[in-house]
N, C-alpha and C. Protein backbone atom coordinates (compact mmCIF):
# COMPACT_ATOMS: atom_id res chain seq x y z
N UNK A 1 -23.68 18.93 -233.99
CA UNK A 1 -22.83 17.82 -234.83
C UNK A 1 -21.89 19.00 -236.05
N UNK A 2 -20.93 18.37 -236.32
CA UNK A 2 -20.20 19.45 -237.39
C UNK A 2 -20.78 19.11 -238.69
N UNK A 3 -20.75 20.26 -239.74
CA UNK A 3 -21.76 20.39 -240.65
C UNK A 3 -20.86 19.87 -242.06
N UNK A 4 -19.69 19.32 -241.71
CA UNK A 4 -19.22 18.64 -243.08
C UNK A 4 -19.99 17.69 -243.81
N UNK A 5 -19.69 17.04 -245.07
CA UNK A 5 -20.40 16.19 -245.31
C UNK A 5 -20.19 14.78 -244.86
N UNK A 6 -21.27 14.02 -244.72
CA UNK A 6 -21.08 12.54 -243.91
C UNK A 6 -20.36 11.65 -244.79
N UNK A 7 -19.94 10.66 -244.02
CA UNK A 7 -18.69 9.86 -244.67
C UNK A 7 -19.34 8.71 -245.60
N UNK A 8 -18.82 8.26 -246.53
CA UNK A 8 -19.55 7.54 -247.31
C UNK A 8 -19.31 6.00 -246.53
N UNK A 9 -20.21 4.91 -247.04
CA UNK A 9 -20.47 3.76 -246.38
C UNK A 9 -19.07 3.20 -246.45
N UNK A 10 -18.18 3.17 -247.50
CA UNK A 10 -16.79 2.51 -247.59
C UNK A 10 -15.94 3.07 -246.47
N UNK A 11 -15.86 4.61 -246.14
CA UNK A 11 -15.00 5.15 -245.13
C UNK A 11 -15.24 4.34 -243.66
N UNK A 12 -16.73 4.01 -243.36
CA UNK A 12 -16.96 3.27 -242.04
C UNK A 12 -16.55 1.94 -242.06
N UNK A 13 -16.75 1.32 -243.00
CA UNK A 13 -16.50 -0.31 -243.15
C UNK A 13 -14.95 -0.28 -243.13
N UNK A 14 -13.92 0.45 -243.38
CA UNK A 14 -12.63 0.46 -242.88
C UNK A 14 -12.26 0.15 -241.75
N UNK A 15 -13.03 0.33 -240.52
CA UNK A 15 -13.06 0.20 -239.33
C UNK A 15 -14.02 -0.51 -238.70
N UNK A 16 -14.48 -1.82 -239.40
CA UNK A 16 -14.74 -2.79 -238.87
C UNK A 16 -13.62 -3.80 -238.09
N UNK A 17 -14.02 -4.17 -236.99
CA UNK A 17 -12.97 -5.29 -236.36
C UNK A 17 -12.19 -3.90 -235.43
N UNK A 18 -12.46 -2.43 -235.13
CA UNK A 18 -11.86 -1.72 -234.55
C UNK A 18 -11.76 -2.09 -233.03
N UNK A 19 -10.40 -1.71 -232.28
CA UNK A 19 -10.48 -2.23 -231.17
C UNK A 19 -9.32 -1.26 -230.27
N UNK A 20 -9.54 -0.84 -229.12
CA UNK A 20 -8.78 -0.15 -228.42
C UNK A 20 -7.40 -0.76 -228.44
N UNK A 21 -6.33 0.33 -228.49
CA UNK A 21 -4.99 -0.15 -228.36
C UNK A 21 -4.68 -0.69 -226.81
N UNK A 22 -3.89 -1.69 -226.35
CA UNK A 22 -3.37 -1.78 -225.02
C UNK A 22 -3.43 -0.42 -224.31
N UNK A 23 -2.63 0.69 -224.79
CA UNK A 23 -2.43 1.69 -223.97
C UNK A 23 -4.13 2.28 -223.75
N UNK A 24 -4.77 2.49 -224.93
CA UNK A 24 -5.98 3.13 -224.72
C UNK A 24 -7.29 2.05 -223.85
N UNK A 25 -6.76 0.83 -223.93
CA UNK A 25 -7.76 0.16 -223.15
C UNK A 25 -7.50 0.43 -221.59
N UNK A 26 -6.23 0.72 -221.51
CA UNK A 26 -5.80 0.78 -219.91
C UNK A 26 -6.51 2.46 -219.67
N UNK A 27 -6.45 3.34 -220.39
CA UNK A 27 -7.26 4.70 -220.21
C UNK A 27 -8.53 4.17 -219.92
N UNK A 28 -9.22 3.91 -221.03
CA UNK A 28 -10.57 3.30 -220.88
C UNK A 28 -10.86 2.92 -219.58
N UNK A 29 -10.33 1.69 -219.15
CA UNK A 29 -10.81 0.86 -218.03
C UNK A 29 -10.45 2.16 -216.80
N UNK A 30 -9.53 2.87 -216.81
CA UNK A 30 -9.39 3.71 -215.70
C UNK A 30 -10.46 4.54 -215.44
N UNK A 31 -10.80 5.31 -216.84
CA UNK A 31 -12.18 6.12 -216.73
C UNK A 31 -13.54 5.32 -216.29
N UNK A 32 -13.68 4.08 -216.60
CA UNK A 32 -14.63 3.53 -216.17
C UNK A 32 -14.81 3.21 -214.28
N UNK A 33 -13.42 3.15 -214.14
CA UNK A 33 -13.18 2.58 -212.68
C UNK A 33 -13.65 3.88 -211.83
N UNK A 34 -13.75 5.17 -212.30
CA UNK A 34 -14.21 6.33 -211.45
C UNK A 34 -15.40 6.17 -211.17
N UNK A 35 -16.43 5.20 -211.66
CA UNK A 35 -17.98 5.44 -211.36
C UNK A 35 -18.30 3.93 -211.01
N UNK A 36 -19.41 3.86 -209.91
CA UNK A 36 -19.75 2.88 -208.99
C UNK A 36 -20.13 1.80 -210.00
N UNK A 37 -20.08 0.64 -209.55
CA UNK A 37 -20.34 -0.65 -210.07
C UNK A 37 -21.86 -0.53 -210.85
N UNK A 38 -21.78 -0.75 -211.99
CA UNK A 38 -22.90 -0.79 -212.91
C UNK A 38 -23.49 0.50 -213.30
N UNK A 39 -22.29 1.50 -213.28
CA UNK A 39 -22.62 2.61 -213.97
C UNK A 39 -21.34 3.15 -214.69
N UNK A 40 -20.92 2.03 -215.43
CA UNK A 40 -20.08 2.37 -216.49
C UNK A 40 -19.99 3.18 -217.53
N UNK A 41 -21.49 3.17 -218.06
CA UNK A 41 -21.86 3.88 -219.41
C UNK A 41 -21.81 5.61 -219.02
N UNK A 42 -21.74 5.83 -217.48
CA UNK A 42 -21.25 7.27 -217.65
C UNK A 42 -19.81 7.65 -218.03
N UNK A 43 -19.01 6.65 -218.23
CA UNK A 43 -17.56 6.75 -219.03
C UNK A 43 -17.73 7.24 -220.57
N UNK A 44 -19.02 7.09 -221.16
CA UNK A 44 -19.52 7.48 -222.40
C UNK A 44 -18.27 8.25 -223.24
N UNK A 45 -18.51 9.62 -222.59
CA UNK A 45 -17.54 10.74 -223.22
C UNK A 45 -16.18 10.41 -223.47
N UNK A 46 -15.55 10.01 -222.75
CA UNK A 46 -14.27 10.34 -222.55
C UNK A 46 -13.71 8.72 -223.41
N UNK A 47 -14.47 7.82 -223.55
CA UNK A 47 -14.44 6.76 -224.18
C UNK A 47 -14.43 7.27 -225.81
N UNK A 48 -15.52 7.99 -226.27
CA UNK A 48 -15.60 8.13 -227.49
C UNK A 48 -14.34 9.18 -228.08
N UNK A 49 -14.25 9.77 -226.89
CA UNK A 49 -12.95 10.71 -227.15
C UNK A 49 -11.58 9.80 -227.20
N UNK A 50 -11.29 8.83 -226.54
CA UNK A 50 -10.06 7.94 -226.64
C UNK A 50 -10.32 7.61 -228.24
N UNK A 51 -11.73 6.72 -228.38
CA UNK A 51 -11.55 6.39 -229.49
C UNK A 51 -11.39 7.14 -230.89
N UNK A 52 -11.82 8.16 -230.82
CA UNK A 52 -11.68 9.38 -231.92
C UNK A 52 -10.10 9.90 -232.21
N UNK A 53 -9.50 9.90 -230.94
CA UNK A 53 -7.97 10.00 -230.93
C UNK A 53 -7.35 8.80 -231.61
N UNK A 54 -7.73 7.73 -231.41
CA UNK A 54 -6.95 6.18 -232.01
C UNK A 54 -7.40 6.55 -233.42
N UNK A 55 -8.49 6.72 -233.73
CA UNK A 55 -8.50 6.73 -235.22
C UNK A 55 -7.64 8.03 -235.79
N UNK A 56 -7.68 8.85 -235.18
CA UNK A 56 -7.02 9.94 -235.75
C UNK A 56 -5.49 9.65 -235.84
N UNK A 57 -4.85 8.84 -234.90
CA UNK A 57 -3.72 8.40 -234.85
C UNK A 57 -3.37 7.40 -236.03
N UNK A 58 -4.28 6.80 -236.33
CA UNK A 58 -4.26 5.82 -237.36
C UNK A 58 -4.43 6.66 -238.85
N UNK A 59 -4.87 7.41 -238.93
CA UNK A 59 -5.00 8.26 -240.16
C UNK A 59 -4.66 9.38 -240.17
N UNK A 60 -3.56 9.81 -239.37
CA UNK A 60 -2.84 11.11 -239.16
C UNK A 60 -3.62 12.24 -239.42
N UNK A 61 -5.01 12.49 -238.80
CA UNK A 61 -5.73 13.35 -238.89
C UNK A 61 -6.24 13.60 -237.26
N UNK A 62 -6.90 14.44 -237.26
CA UNK A 62 -7.31 15.28 -236.12
C UNK A 62 -8.49 14.16 -235.53
N UNK A 63 -8.98 13.04 -236.46
CA UNK A 63 -9.81 12.05 -235.62
C UNK A 63 -11.09 11.97 -236.01
N UNK A 64 -12.20 10.97 -236.23
CA UNK A 64 -13.48 11.14 -236.45
C UNK A 64 -13.95 10.01 -235.79
N UNK A 65 -15.42 9.68 -235.94
CA UNK A 65 -16.00 8.24 -235.36
C UNK A 65 -16.76 7.58 -236.19
N UNK A 66 -16.28 6.82 -237.14
CA UNK A 66 -17.16 6.03 -237.79
C UNK A 66 -18.27 5.05 -237.26
N UNK A 67 -19.24 4.62 -237.88
CA UNK A 67 -19.99 3.97 -236.94
C UNK A 67 -19.57 2.73 -236.20
N UNK A 68 -18.53 1.64 -237.19
CA UNK A 68 -18.35 0.76 -236.17
C UNK A 68 -17.25 0.94 -234.81
N UNK A 69 -17.19 2.30 -234.83
CA UNK A 69 -16.21 2.82 -233.65
C UNK A 69 -17.14 3.07 -232.59
N UNK A 70 -18.01 3.77 -233.07
CA UNK A 70 -19.20 4.05 -231.83
C UNK A 70 -19.65 2.95 -231.43
N UNK A 71 -20.25 1.61 -232.36
CA UNK A 71 -20.66 0.61 -231.36
C UNK A 71 -19.54 -0.07 -230.81
N UNK A 72 -18.47 -0.12 -231.25
CA UNK A 72 -17.61 -0.59 -230.18
C UNK A 72 -17.17 0.13 -229.11
N UNK A 73 -17.54 1.42 -228.80
CA UNK A 73 -17.54 1.99 -227.20
C UNK A 73 -18.68 1.33 -226.81
N UNK A 74 -19.95 1.55 -227.79
CA UNK A 74 -21.35 1.21 -227.04
C UNK A 74 -21.36 -0.51 -226.40
N UNK A 75 -20.64 -1.62 -227.35
CA UNK A 75 -20.38 -2.71 -226.81
C UNK A 75 -19.52 -2.95 -225.44
N UNK A 76 -18.47 -1.82 -225.36
CA UNK A 76 -17.26 -1.90 -224.65
C UNK A 76 -18.21 -1.75 -222.94
N UNK A 77 -19.16 -0.68 -223.36
CA UNK A 77 -19.97 -0.02 -222.06
C UNK A 77 -21.22 -0.83 -221.63
N UNK A 78 -21.50 -1.78 -222.82
CA UNK A 78 -22.67 -2.51 -222.33
C UNK A 78 -24.03 -1.38 -222.29
N UNK A 79 -24.09 -0.70 -223.52
CA UNK A 79 -24.86 0.39 -223.55
C UNK A 79 -25.75 0.27 -225.10
N UNK A 80 -26.97 0.73 -225.43
CA UNK A 80 -27.51 0.46 -226.64
C UNK A 80 -27.03 1.30 -227.52
N UNK A 81 -26.78 0.86 -228.90
CA UNK A 81 -26.22 1.81 -229.65
C UNK A 81 -26.76 2.97 -230.11
N UNK A 82 -27.91 3.38 -229.80
CA UNK A 82 -28.52 4.47 -230.16
C UNK A 82 -28.21 5.43 -229.03
N UNK A 83 -28.22 5.23 -228.02
CA UNK A 83 -27.71 6.07 -226.93
C UNK A 83 -26.32 6.55 -227.08
N UNK A 84 -25.52 5.70 -227.52
CA UNK A 84 -23.84 6.30 -227.84
C UNK A 84 -24.11 6.93 -229.00
N UNK A 85 -25.07 6.76 -229.95
CA UNK A 85 -25.03 7.67 -231.14
C UNK A 85 -25.72 9.09 -230.58
N UNK A 86 -26.25 9.02 -229.64
CA UNK A 86 -26.93 10.26 -229.36
C UNK A 86 -25.84 10.91 -228.81
N UNK A 87 -25.14 10.65 -228.10
CA UNK A 87 -24.07 11.43 -227.40
C UNK A 87 -22.98 11.81 -228.43
N UNK A 88 -22.61 11.11 -229.40
CA UNK A 88 -21.68 11.53 -230.35
C UNK A 88 -22.04 12.44 -231.46
N UNK A 89 -23.52 12.42 -231.38
CA UNK A 89 -24.09 13.36 -232.75
C UNK A 89 -24.24 14.78 -231.89
N UNK A 90 -24.42 14.78 -230.51
CA UNK A 90 -24.72 16.22 -229.98
C UNK A 90 -23.63 16.72 -229.64
N UNK A 91 -22.74 16.42 -229.39
CA UNK A 91 -21.39 17.34 -229.09
C UNK A 91 -20.54 17.45 -230.10
N UNK A 92 -20.20 18.92 -230.41
CA UNK A 92 -19.28 19.19 -231.53
C UNK A 92 -17.69 18.70 -231.40
N UNK A 93 -17.21 18.11 -230.35
CA UNK A 93 -16.07 17.55 -229.95
C UNK A 93 -15.87 16.35 -230.89
N UNK A 94 -17.11 15.55 -231.42
CA UNK A 94 -16.84 14.63 -231.99
C UNK A 94 -17.07 14.53 -233.17
N UNK A 95 -16.44 14.21 -234.36
CA UNK A 95 -16.95 14.37 -235.73
C UNK A 95 -17.04 13.41 -236.25
N UNK A 96 -18.14 13.25 -237.02
CA UNK A 96 -19.01 12.16 -237.46
C UNK A 96 -18.71 11.63 -238.86
N UNK A 97 -17.58 12.66 -239.37
CA UNK A 97 -17.21 12.52 -240.82
C UNK A 97 -15.51 12.50 -240.98
N UNK A 98 -14.81 12.11 -241.77
CA UNK A 98 -13.44 12.80 -241.68
C UNK A 98 -13.12 14.08 -241.83
N UNK A 99 -11.84 14.22 -241.08
CA UNK A 99 -11.68 15.76 -241.06
C UNK A 99 -10.21 15.72 -241.37
N UNK A 100 -9.54 16.90 -241.54
CA UNK A 100 -8.12 17.00 -241.83
C UNK A 100 -7.27 16.69 -240.94
N UNK A 101 -5.57 16.88 -241.16
CA UNK A 101 -4.90 16.75 -239.88
C UNK A 101 -5.12 18.01 -238.81
N UNK A 102 -5.51 19.06 -239.05
CA UNK A 102 -5.97 19.96 -238.54
C UNK A 102 -7.36 20.54 -238.56
N UNK A 103 -8.19 20.69 -237.54
CA UNK A 103 -9.80 21.03 -237.42
C UNK A 103 -9.71 22.04 -236.92
N UNK A 104 -10.29 23.21 -237.70
CA UNK A 104 -10.14 24.53 -237.81
C UNK A 104 -11.38 25.02 -237.05
N UNK A 105 -11.88 24.99 -235.82
CA UNK A 105 -12.86 25.41 -235.53
C UNK A 105 -13.43 26.60 -235.00
N UNK A 106 -13.95 27.74 -235.96
CA UNK A 106 -14.31 28.92 -235.86
C UNK A 106 -15.11 29.40 -234.88
N UNK A 107 -15.09 30.24 -234.00
CA UNK A 107 -16.09 30.81 -233.25
C UNK A 107 -16.72 31.86 -234.02
N UNK A 108 -18.06 31.79 -234.25
CA UNK A 108 -18.88 32.96 -235.15
C UNK A 108 -19.74 33.73 -234.10
N UNK A 109 -19.97 33.35 -232.68
CA UNK A 109 -20.77 33.61 -231.78
C UNK A 109 -20.46 35.26 -231.70
N UNK A 110 -21.56 35.85 -230.86
CA UNK A 110 -21.72 37.24 -230.66
C UNK A 110 -20.55 38.05 -230.38
N UNK A 111 -19.52 37.65 -229.31
CA UNK A 111 -18.45 38.39 -228.76
C UNK A 111 -17.52 38.13 -229.84
N UNK A 112 -17.40 37.18 -230.45
CA UNK A 112 -16.30 36.80 -231.68
C UNK A 112 -16.57 37.81 -232.77
N UNK A 113 -17.89 37.76 -233.16
CA UNK A 113 -18.35 38.45 -234.30
C UNK A 113 -18.20 39.86 -234.15
N UNK A 114 -18.57 40.31 -232.86
CA UNK A 114 -18.03 41.82 -232.93
C UNK A 114 -16.69 42.00 -232.72
N UNK A 115 -15.77 41.38 -232.24
CA UNK A 115 -14.46 41.62 -232.39
C UNK A 115 -13.75 41.29 -233.37
N UNK A 116 -14.43 40.52 -234.68
CA UNK A 116 -13.81 40.50 -236.04
C UNK A 116 -13.83 39.13 -236.29
N UNK A 117 -14.56 38.13 -236.09
CA UNK A 117 -14.33 36.90 -236.73
C UNK A 117 -14.52 36.77 -238.05
N UNK A 118 -15.04 37.71 -238.61
CA UNK A 118 -15.16 37.68 -240.22
C UNK A 118 -13.89 37.92 -240.78
N UNK A 119 -12.62 38.78 -239.97
CA UNK A 119 -11.68 38.61 -240.91
C UNK A 119 -11.13 37.48 -240.33
N UNK A 120 -11.23 36.65 -239.44
CA UNK A 120 -10.92 35.35 -239.40
C UNK A 120 -10.96 34.37 -240.36
N UNK A 121 -12.27 34.74 -240.84
CA UNK A 121 -12.94 33.40 -241.53
C UNK A 121 -12.44 33.96 -243.09
N UNK A 122 -12.30 35.52 -243.28
CA UNK A 122 -11.55 35.97 -244.66
C UNK A 122 -9.95 35.37 -244.81
N UNK A 123 -9.42 35.19 -243.43
CA UNK A 123 -8.05 34.58 -243.64
C UNK A 123 -8.04 33.32 -244.25
N UNK A 124 -9.23 32.32 -243.51
CA UNK A 124 -9.17 31.12 -243.68
C UNK A 124 -9.50 30.75 -245.14
N UNK A 125 -10.51 31.56 -245.80
CA UNK A 125 -10.72 31.54 -247.10
C UNK A 125 -9.66 31.82 -248.08
N UNK A 126 -8.94 32.90 -248.05
CA UNK A 126 -7.99 33.46 -248.62
C UNK A 126 -6.70 32.54 -248.95
N UNK A 127 -6.76 31.46 -247.80
CA UNK A 127 -5.93 30.27 -247.68
C UNK A 127 -6.46 28.86 -248.42
N UNK A 128 -7.83 29.09 -248.87
CA UNK A 128 -8.52 27.87 -249.55
C UNK A 128 -9.36 27.22 -248.79
N UNK A 129 -9.52 27.63 -247.36
CA UNK A 129 -10.38 26.86 -246.46
C UNK A 129 -11.88 27.20 -246.96
N UNK A 130 -12.84 26.24 -246.83
CA UNK A 130 -14.24 26.84 -246.78
C UNK A 130 -15.10 26.21 -245.76
N UNK A 131 -15.57 26.57 -245.07
CA UNK A 131 -16.61 26.20 -244.20
C UNK A 131 -17.46 25.06 -244.56
N UNK A 132 -17.10 23.93 -243.45
CA UNK A 132 -17.83 22.57 -243.70
C UNK A 132 -17.27 21.87 -244.70
N UNK A 133 -15.74 22.06 -245.33
CA UNK A 133 -15.20 21.43 -245.96
C UNK A 133 -13.69 21.15 -245.53
N UNK A 134 -13.07 20.20 -246.28
CA UNK A 134 -11.67 19.65 -246.08
C UNK A 134 -10.77 19.96 -247.21
N UNK A 135 -9.73 20.80 -247.18
CA UNK A 135 -9.28 21.06 -247.98
C UNK A 135 -8.84 19.73 -249.29
N UNK A 136 -8.11 20.16 -250.30
CA UNK A 136 -7.71 18.97 -251.37
C UNK A 136 -6.64 18.19 -250.64
N UNK A 137 -5.86 18.84 -250.10
CA UNK A 137 -4.12 18.24 -249.68
C UNK A 137 -4.79 17.55 -248.17
N UNK A 138 -5.67 17.33 -247.67
CA UNK A 138 -6.25 16.71 -246.21
C UNK A 138 -5.88 17.44 -245.47
N UNK A 139 -5.17 18.86 -245.11
CA UNK A 139 -4.63 19.33 -244.13
C UNK A 139 -5.42 20.02 -243.61
N UNK A 140 -6.77 20.61 -243.72
CA UNK A 140 -7.48 21.38 -242.94
C UNK A 140 -8.66 21.10 -243.42
N UNK A 141 -9.70 21.24 -241.97
CA UNK A 141 -11.19 21.08 -242.41
C UNK A 141 -11.42 22.69 -241.54
N UNK A 142 -12.48 23.06 -242.17
CA UNK A 142 -13.00 24.41 -241.34
C UNK A 142 -14.38 24.40 -240.94
N UNK A 143 -14.60 24.38 -239.68
CA UNK A 143 -15.85 24.23 -238.99
C UNK A 143 -16.23 25.54 -238.44
N UNK A 144 -17.40 26.22 -238.47
CA UNK A 144 -17.84 27.28 -237.58
C UNK A 144 -18.71 26.44 -236.41
N UNK A 145 -18.55 26.97 -235.17
CA UNK A 145 -19.03 26.65 -234.19
C UNK A 145 -19.36 27.73 -232.93
N UNK A 146 -20.13 27.02 -231.99
CA UNK A 146 -20.81 28.08 -231.04
C UNK A 146 -19.73 28.64 -230.16
N UNK A 147 -20.02 29.37 -229.07
CA UNK A 147 -19.24 29.72 -228.14
C UNK A 147 -18.06 28.71 -227.72
N UNK A 148 -16.83 28.86 -227.70
CA UNK A 148 -15.66 28.09 -227.35
C UNK A 148 -14.95 28.36 -225.95
N UNK A 149 -15.65 29.80 -225.35
CA UNK A 149 -15.60 30.07 -223.93
C UNK A 149 -14.41 31.00 -223.93
N UNK A 150 -13.86 31.38 -224.78
CA UNK A 150 -12.69 32.50 -224.50
C UNK A 150 -12.99 33.76 -225.09
N UNK A 151 -14.37 34.39 -224.65
CA UNK A 151 -14.79 35.44 -225.07
C UNK A 151 -14.02 36.87 -224.91
N UNK A 152 -13.49 36.77 -223.99
CA UNK A 152 -12.73 37.89 -223.25
C UNK A 152 -11.47 38.35 -224.43
N UNK A 153 -10.78 36.94 -224.90
CA UNK A 153 -9.89 36.94 -225.70
C UNK A 153 -10.44 36.71 -227.23
N UNK A 154 -11.76 37.24 -227.52
CA UNK A 154 -11.93 37.29 -229.05
C UNK A 154 -11.31 38.11 -229.88
N UNK A 155 -11.54 37.61 -231.06
CA UNK A 155 -11.94 36.58 -231.98
C UNK A 155 -10.98 35.51 -231.60
N UNK A 156 -11.61 33.72 -231.81
CA UNK A 156 -10.69 32.72 -231.73
C UNK A 156 -10.69 31.89 -232.48
N UNK A 157 -9.95 31.07 -232.65
CA UNK A 157 -10.21 29.66 -233.21
C UNK A 157 -9.48 28.51 -232.14
N UNK A 158 -10.36 27.14 -232.47
CA UNK A 158 -9.57 26.27 -231.77
C UNK A 158 -8.98 25.34 -232.86
N UNK A 159 -7.93 25.07 -232.78
CA UNK A 159 -7.47 23.84 -234.05
C UNK A 159 -7.00 22.80 -233.20
N UNK A 160 -7.43 21.68 -233.45
CA UNK A 160 -7.41 20.36 -232.61
C UNK A 160 -7.30 20.75 -231.21
N UNK A 161 -6.36 20.50 -230.05
CA UNK A 161 -6.44 20.89 -228.89
C UNK A 161 -6.25 22.02 -228.20
N UNK A 162 -5.76 22.90 -229.35
CA UNK A 162 -5.25 24.14 -228.90
C UNK A 162 -6.28 25.62 -229.23
N UNK A 163 -6.48 26.49 -228.67
CA UNK A 163 -6.69 27.77 -228.72
C UNK A 163 -6.02 29.20 -229.06
N UNK A 164 -6.23 29.56 -230.39
CA UNK A 164 -5.70 30.84 -230.65
C UNK A 164 -6.18 31.71 -230.69
N UNK A 165 -6.05 32.67 -230.03
CA UNK A 165 -7.04 33.92 -229.32
C UNK A 165 -6.49 35.39 -229.97
N UNK A 166 -7.52 36.52 -229.47
CA UNK A 166 -6.62 37.96 -229.94
C UNK A 166 -6.69 37.74 -231.40
N UNK A 167 -7.54 37.27 -232.35
CA UNK A 167 -6.72 37.25 -233.63
C UNK A 167 -7.34 38.36 -234.78
N UNK A 168 -6.38 38.52 -235.55
CA UNK A 168 -6.51 39.16 -236.58
C UNK A 168 -6.28 38.67 -237.80
N UNK A 169 -6.62 39.09 -239.32
CA UNK A 169 -6.56 38.83 -240.15
C UNK A 169 -5.09 38.12 -240.50
N UNK A 170 -4.24 39.01 -240.14
CA UNK A 170 -2.55 38.86 -240.28
C UNK A 170 -2.32 37.53 -239.17
N UNK A 171 -2.54 37.66 -238.44
CA UNK A 171 -2.01 36.43 -237.00
C UNK A 171 -2.95 35.50 -237.65
N UNK A 172 -4.03 35.05 -238.24
CA UNK A 172 -4.50 33.94 -238.37
C UNK A 172 -3.97 33.37 -239.80
N UNK A 173 -3.79 34.54 -240.76
CA UNK A 173 -2.86 33.67 -241.81
C UNK A 173 -1.83 33.18 -241.36
N UNK A 174 -0.90 34.08 -240.47
CA UNK A 174 0.62 33.34 -239.76
C UNK A 174 0.43 32.00 -239.40
N UNK A 175 -0.55 31.88 -238.31
CA UNK A 175 -0.81 30.68 -237.85
C UNK A 175 -1.10 29.46 -238.76
N UNK A 176 -1.83 29.65 -239.75
CA UNK A 176 -2.39 28.62 -240.82
C UNK A 176 -1.16 28.37 -241.65
N UNK A 177 -0.35 29.29 -242.11
CA UNK A 177 1.12 29.25 -242.91
C UNK A 177 1.77 28.53 -242.08
N UNK A 178 2.08 28.75 -240.82
CA UNK A 178 2.97 28.12 -240.07
C UNK A 178 2.85 26.46 -239.89
N UNK A 179 1.27 26.19 -239.73
CA UNK A 179 0.82 24.81 -239.68
C UNK A 179 1.07 23.98 -241.32
N UNK A 180 0.85 24.96 -242.21
CA UNK A 180 1.14 24.08 -243.55
C UNK A 180 2.70 24.04 -243.67
N UNK A 181 3.40 24.67 -242.89
CA UNK A 181 4.99 24.63 -243.26
C UNK A 181 5.47 23.49 -242.38
N UNK A 182 4.58 23.11 -241.52
CA UNK A 182 4.96 21.99 -240.64
C UNK A 182 5.93 22.93 -238.89
N UNK A 183 5.68 24.15 -238.91
CA UNK A 183 5.97 24.59 -237.84
C UNK A 183 4.93 24.80 -236.80
N UNK A 184 5.43 25.01 -235.70
CA UNK A 184 4.55 25.21 -234.40
C UNK A 184 4.07 26.66 -234.15
N UNK A 185 2.84 26.80 -234.24
CA UNK A 185 2.53 28.33 -234.08
C UNK A 185 2.45 28.42 -232.51
N UNK A 186 2.73 29.63 -232.25
CA UNK A 186 2.41 30.30 -230.61
C UNK A 186 0.95 29.89 -230.22
N UNK A 187 0.61 29.36 -229.17
CA UNK A 187 -0.57 28.93 -228.54
C UNK A 187 -1.18 30.18 -227.98
N UNK A 188 -2.53 30.26 -227.70
CA UNK A 188 -3.17 31.30 -226.87
C UNK A 188 -3.07 32.64 -227.19
N UNK A 189 -3.09 33.65 -226.68
CA UNK A 189 -3.33 35.24 -227.08
C UNK A 189 -2.33 35.56 -228.22
N UNK A 190 -2.39 36.21 -229.28
CA UNK A 190 -1.66 36.35 -230.41
C UNK A 190 -0.99 37.95 -229.99
N UNK A 191 -1.58 38.55 -228.96
CA UNK A 191 -1.06 39.61 -228.28
C UNK A 191 -0.35 39.75 -227.24
N UNK A 192 0.15 41.03 -226.49
CA UNK A 192 0.67 41.28 -225.16
C UNK A 192 -0.14 41.05 -223.97
N UNK A 193 -0.61 39.74 -223.74
CA UNK A 193 -1.20 39.70 -222.74
C UNK A 193 -1.01 38.21 -221.86
N UNK A 194 -0.97 38.08 -220.72
CA UNK A 194 -1.16 36.68 -220.29
C UNK A 194 -2.64 36.23 -220.07
N UNK A 195 -2.68 34.88 -220.63
CA UNK A 195 -3.99 34.39 -220.27
C UNK A 195 -5.53 35.46 -220.84
N UNK A 196 -6.07 35.47 -219.73
CA UNK A 196 -6.91 36.65 -219.87
C UNK A 196 -6.53 38.19 -219.21
N UNK A 197 -5.65 37.98 -218.92
CA UNK A 197 -5.29 39.26 -218.16
C UNK A 197 -5.41 40.43 -219.24
N UNK A 198 -5.37 41.89 -218.49
CA UNK A 198 -5.64 43.18 -219.51
C UNK A 198 -4.23 42.97 -220.28
N UNK A 199 -4.57 43.67 -221.69
CA UNK A 199 -3.66 43.97 -222.58
C UNK A 199 -2.48 44.61 -221.82
N UNK A 200 -1.17 44.57 -222.33
CA UNK A 200 0.02 45.19 -221.81
C UNK A 200 0.46 44.71 -220.41
N UNK A 201 0.06 43.77 -219.84
CA UNK A 201 0.81 43.31 -218.67
C UNK A 201 0.09 44.31 -217.32
N UNK A 202 0.65 43.69 -216.31
CA UNK A 202 0.20 44.00 -214.95
C UNK A 202 0.33 45.75 -214.84
N UNK A 203 -0.64 46.34 -214.21
CA UNK A 203 -0.54 47.76 -213.79
C UNK A 203 -0.48 47.69 -212.41
N UNK A 204 -0.60 47.13 -211.45
CA UNK A 204 -0.72 47.23 -210.07
C UNK A 204 0.03 46.11 -209.54
N UNK A 205 0.55 45.94 -208.15
CA UNK A 205 1.03 44.67 -207.41
C UNK A 205 2.13 43.92 -208.39
N UNK A 206 2.90 45.01 -208.98
CA UNK A 206 4.12 44.26 -209.93
C UNK A 206 5.16 43.56 -209.37
N UNK A 207 5.12 43.97 -208.13
CA UNK A 207 6.15 43.26 -207.13
C UNK A 207 5.84 42.16 -206.78
N UNK A 208 4.47 41.71 -206.75
CA UNK A 208 3.99 40.46 -206.03
C UNK A 208 4.35 39.32 -206.88
N UNK A 209 4.94 38.01 -206.27
CA UNK A 209 5.40 36.87 -206.45
C UNK A 209 4.59 36.24 -207.40
């Protein structure tokens, strides 16, 4: 679970009466239809994600899961509230408290740490971000998480749905400053590589299609 402060009760009550939009209801039913009859609870993860994204669209943030929203998903699937809470509280992809417009998830696991995640964190701090907190303007929330699976391209951060890899202090600042200014920074490796290929481009089979 993300380590920012729990939401106040008033934040949760604002979502009493939550329901999927027609578009999200169609998506929810599409996910449920993947499973045999009576197994609709298997769709709990994508439905929680849909609900979180809908809250994000309503609040112009990355989204979170207030208690009434979690309970709505449980009722939609016919499952006990506690089982839905267990899923929502286990995975860091779900936010149990409000977050900013951009949720910066910093990987501090060994490969990223060895490759310089401390410098990435320093860049975040120098722009006013603090672990477990949201900036005063509501723009950024910074969370340290475990491995995000881009170890070859360490250090990296995930911001909302995008990965930014091969980071330095300077490139991290540039990405955050672009987001602050309403620009769209380059996603993926911030150095000369294709995905997770070696630095500098291909050295063999250069003529292959």
